[in-house]
């Protein structure tokens, strides 16, 4: 596992700032998509608008 971390660290160090921002944005939107899927699973009768509002609330209240 340590070797994987070393490789990952090397890859991140070789990335440009723009590539790092793009990777962070992909992670962010992936997290939102996963949260939306979980909310839809928990509330199958909710409209897409209700799901999106719940996702917005979750991310607005997230702590850093």
N, C-alpha and C. Protein backbone atom coordinates (compact mmCIF):
# COMPACT_ATOMS: atom_id res chain seq x y z
N UNK A 1 0.82 -1.20 0.00
CA UNK A 1 0.00 0.00 0.00
C UNK A 1 0.86 1.25 0.00
N UNK A 2 1.99 1.21 0.68
CA UNK A 2 2.88 2.36 0.73
C UNK A 2 3.38 2.72 -0.67
N UNK A 3 3.65 1.70 -1.49
CA UNK A 3 4.12 1.95 -2.85
C UNK A 3 3.06 2.70 -3.64
N UNK A 4 1.80 2.34 -3.46
CA UNK A 4 0.69 3.03 -4.14
C UNK A 4 0.68 4.50 -3.73
N UNK A 5 0.83 4.78 -2.45
CA UNK A 5 0.84 6.15 -1.96
C UNK A 5 2.00 6.94 -2.54
N UNK A 6 3.17 6.30 -2.67
CA UNK A 6 4.33 6.97 -3.26
C UNK A 6 4.07 7.33 -4.71
N UNK A 7 3.47 6.42 -5.44
CA UNK A 7 3.15 6.67 -6.85
C UNK A 7 2.12 7.78 -6.96
N UNK A 8 1.10 7.70 -6.12
CA UNK A 8 0.06 8.72 -6.14
C UNK A 8 0.64 10.10 -5.81
N UNK A 9 1.50 10.17 -4.82
CA UNK A 9 2.15 11.43 -4.46
C UNK A 9 2.97 11.96 -5.63
N UNK A 10 3.69 11.09 -6.30
CA UNK A 10 4.50 11.50 -7.45
C UNK A 10 3.61 12.06 -8.57
N UNK A 11 2.49 11.39 -8.81
CA UNK A 11 1.57 11.85 -9.86
C UNK A 11 1.04 13.23 -9.51
N UNK A 12 0.62 13.43 -8.25
CA UNK A 12 0.09 14.73 -7.84
C UNK A 12 1.16 15.83 -7.97
N UNK A 13 2.37 15.52 -7.64
CA UNK A 13 3.43 16.53 -7.75
C UNK A 13 3.71 16.93 -9.19
N UNK A 14 3.46 16.03 -10.11
CA UNK A 14 3.71 16.32 -11.53
C UNK A 14 2.54 17.06 -12.19
N UNK A 15 1.42 17.13 -11.52
CA UNK A 15 0.25 17.79 -12.08
C UNK A 15 0.41 19.31 -12.01
N UNK A 16 -0.13 19.97 -13.02
CA UNK A 16 -0.17 21.43 -12.99
C UNK A 16 -1.27 21.87 -12.02
N UNK A 17 -1.26 23.14 -11.68
CA UNK A 17 -2.30 23.67 -10.79
C UNK A 17 -3.68 23.48 -11.42
N UNK A 18 -3.76 23.70 -12.73
CA UNK A 18 -5.04 23.53 -13.43
C UNK A 18 -5.51 22.08 -13.36
N UNK A 19 -4.61 21.14 -13.52
CA UNK A 19 -4.98 19.72 -13.44
C UNK A 19 -5.45 19.36 -12.03
N UNK A 20 -4.82 19.94 -11.03
CA UNK A 20 -5.23 19.67 -9.65
C UNK A 20 -6.64 20.23 -9.39
N UNK A 21 -6.91 21.42 -9.90
CA UNK A 21 -8.24 22.01 -9.74
C UNK A 21 -9.28 21.15 -10.46
N UNK A 22 -8.96 20.70 -11.67
CA UNK A 22 -9.88 19.84 -12.42
C UNK A 22 -10.15 18.54 -11.67
N UNK A 23 -9.12 17.94 -11.09
CA UNK A 23 -9.29 16.71 -10.31
C UNK A 23 -10.18 16.96 -9.10
N UNK A 24 -9.96 18.09 -8.43
CA UNK A 24 -10.77 18.43 -7.26
C UNK A 24 -12.23 18.63 -7.66
N UNK A 25 -12.47 19.27 -8.79
CA UNK A 25 -13.84 19.49 -9.26
C UNK A 25 -14.51 18.16 -9.62
N UNK A 26 -13.76 17.25 -10.24
CA UNK A 26 -14.33 15.93 -10.55
C UNK A 26 -14.72 15.20 -9.26
N UNK A 27 -13.87 15.30 -8.25
CA UNK A 27 -14.19 14.68 -6.96
C UNK A 27 -15.45 15.30 -6.34
N UNK A 28 -15.51 16.62 -6.39
CA UNK A 28 -16.66 17.34 -5.83
C UNK A 28 -17.96 16.89 -6.50
N UNK A 29 -17.98 16.90 -7.84
CA UNK A 29 -19.20 16.54 -8.55
C UNK A 29 -19.53 15.06 -8.40
N UNK A 30 -18.51 14.23 -8.28
CA UNK A 30 -18.75 12.80 -8.01
C UNK A 30 -19.41 12.63 -6.64
N UNK A 31 -18.92 13.38 -5.66
CA UNK A 31 -19.50 13.31 -4.31
C UNK A 31 -20.95 13.77 -4.32
N UNK A 32 -21.24 14.82 -5.06
CA UNK A 32 -22.62 15.31 -5.16
C UNK A 32 -23.51 14.26 -5.82
N UNK A 33 -22.99 13.62 -6.86
CA UNK A 33 -23.77 12.58 -7.54
C UNK A 33 -24.05 11.40 -6.64
N UNK A 34 -23.05 10.99 -5.86
CA UNK A 34 -23.26 9.89 -4.92
C UNK A 34 -24.26 10.26 -3.84
N UNK A 35 -24.18 11.48 -3.34
CA UNK A 35 -25.12 11.93 -2.31
C UNK A 35 -26.53 11.99 -2.88
N UNK A 36 -26.68 12.46 -4.11
CA UNK A 36 -28.00 12.50 -4.75
C UNK A 36 -28.56 11.09 -4.90
N UNK A 37 -27.73 10.15 -5.30
CA UNK A 37 -28.19 8.76 -5.46
C UNK A 37 -28.65 8.20 -4.11
N UNK A 38 -27.91 8.49 -3.05
CA UNK A 38 -28.29 8.01 -1.72
C UNK A 38 -29.62 8.62 -1.28
N UNK A 39 -29.77 9.92 -1.52
CA UNK A 39 -31.02 10.60 -1.14
C UNK A 39 -32.19 10.04 -1.93
N UNK A 40 -32.00 9.82 -3.24
CA UNK A 40 -33.08 9.22 -4.06
C UNK A 40 -33.46 7.85 -3.53
N UNK A 41 -32.46 7.08 -3.10
CA UNK A 41 -32.72 5.76 -2.55
C UNK A 41 -33.51 5.84 -1.25
N UNK A 42 -33.20 6.81 -0.42
CA UNK A 42 -33.88 6.99 0.85
C UNK A 42 -35.27 7.59 0.70
N UNK A 43 -35.48 8.35 -0.37
CA UNK A 43 -36.76 9.06 -0.60
C UNK A 43 -37.20 8.85 -2.05
N UNK A 44 -37.63 7.64 -2.39
CA UNK A 44 -37.95 7.33 -3.79
C UNK A 44 -39.10 8.15 -4.37
N UNK A 45 -39.93 8.74 -3.54
CA UNK A 45 -41.06 9.52 -4.04
C UNK A 45 -40.73 10.99 -4.25
N UNK A 46 -39.52 11.40 -3.87
CA UNK A 46 -39.16 12.81 -4.02
C UNK A 46 -38.96 13.15 -5.49
N UNK A 47 -39.26 14.39 -5.82
CA UNK A 47 -39.01 14.89 -7.17
C UNK A 47 -37.52 15.18 -7.34
N UNK A 48 -37.06 15.28 -8.59
CA UNK A 48 -35.65 15.65 -8.80
C UNK A 48 -35.31 16.99 -8.13
N UNK A 49 -36.25 17.90 -8.10
CA UNK A 49 -36.01 19.20 -7.47
C UNK A 49 -35.81 19.05 -5.97
N UNK A 50 -36.60 18.18 -5.34
CA UNK A 50 -36.45 17.95 -3.90
C UNK A 50 -35.10 17.30 -3.59
N UNK A 51 -34.70 16.37 -4.44
CA UNK A 51 -33.41 15.71 -4.25
C UNK A 51 -32.29 16.74 -4.39
N UNK A 52 -32.36 17.56 -5.42
CA UNK A 52 -31.30 18.56 -5.63
C UNK A 52 -31.25 19.56 -4.48
N UNK A 53 -32.41 19.95 -3.97
CA UNK A 53 -32.43 20.87 -2.83
C UNK A 53 -31.78 20.23 -1.61
N UNK A 54 -32.06 18.96 -1.38
CA UNK A 54 -31.45 18.26 -0.24
C UNK A 54 -29.94 18.16 -0.41
N UNK A 55 -29.48 17.90 -1.63
CA UNK A 55 -28.04 17.84 -1.89
C UNK A 55 -27.41 19.20 -1.63
N UNK A 56 -28.06 20.27 -2.11
CA UNK A 56 -27.54 21.62 -1.88
C UNK A 56 -27.41 21.90 -0.38
N UNK A 57 -28.42 21.51 0.37
CA UNK A 57 -28.38 21.74 1.82
C UNK A 57 -27.25 20.97 2.48
N UNK A 58 -27.06 19.73 2.08
CA UNK A 58 -25.99 18.91 2.65
C UNK A 58 -24.64 19.58 2.40
N UNK A 59 -24.41 20.00 1.17
CA UNK A 59 -23.11 20.57 0.83
C UNK A 59 -22.94 21.98 1.38
N UNK A 60 -24.04 22.71 1.52
CA UNK A 60 -23.95 24.06 2.11
C UNK A 60 -23.60 23.98 3.59
N UNK A 61 -24.03 22.90 4.23
CA UNK A 61 -23.79 22.74 5.67
C UNK A 61 -22.58 21.90 5.98
N UNK A 62 -21.86 21.45 4.96
CA UNK A 62 -20.67 20.64 5.18
C UNK A 62 -19.59 21.49 5.84
N UNK A 63 -18.85 20.85 6.72
CA UNK A 63 -17.75 21.56 7.39
C UNK A 63 -16.44 21.19 6.73
N UNK A 64 -15.55 22.13 6.70
CA UNK A 64 -14.22 21.88 6.11
C UNK A 64 -13.26 21.40 7.15
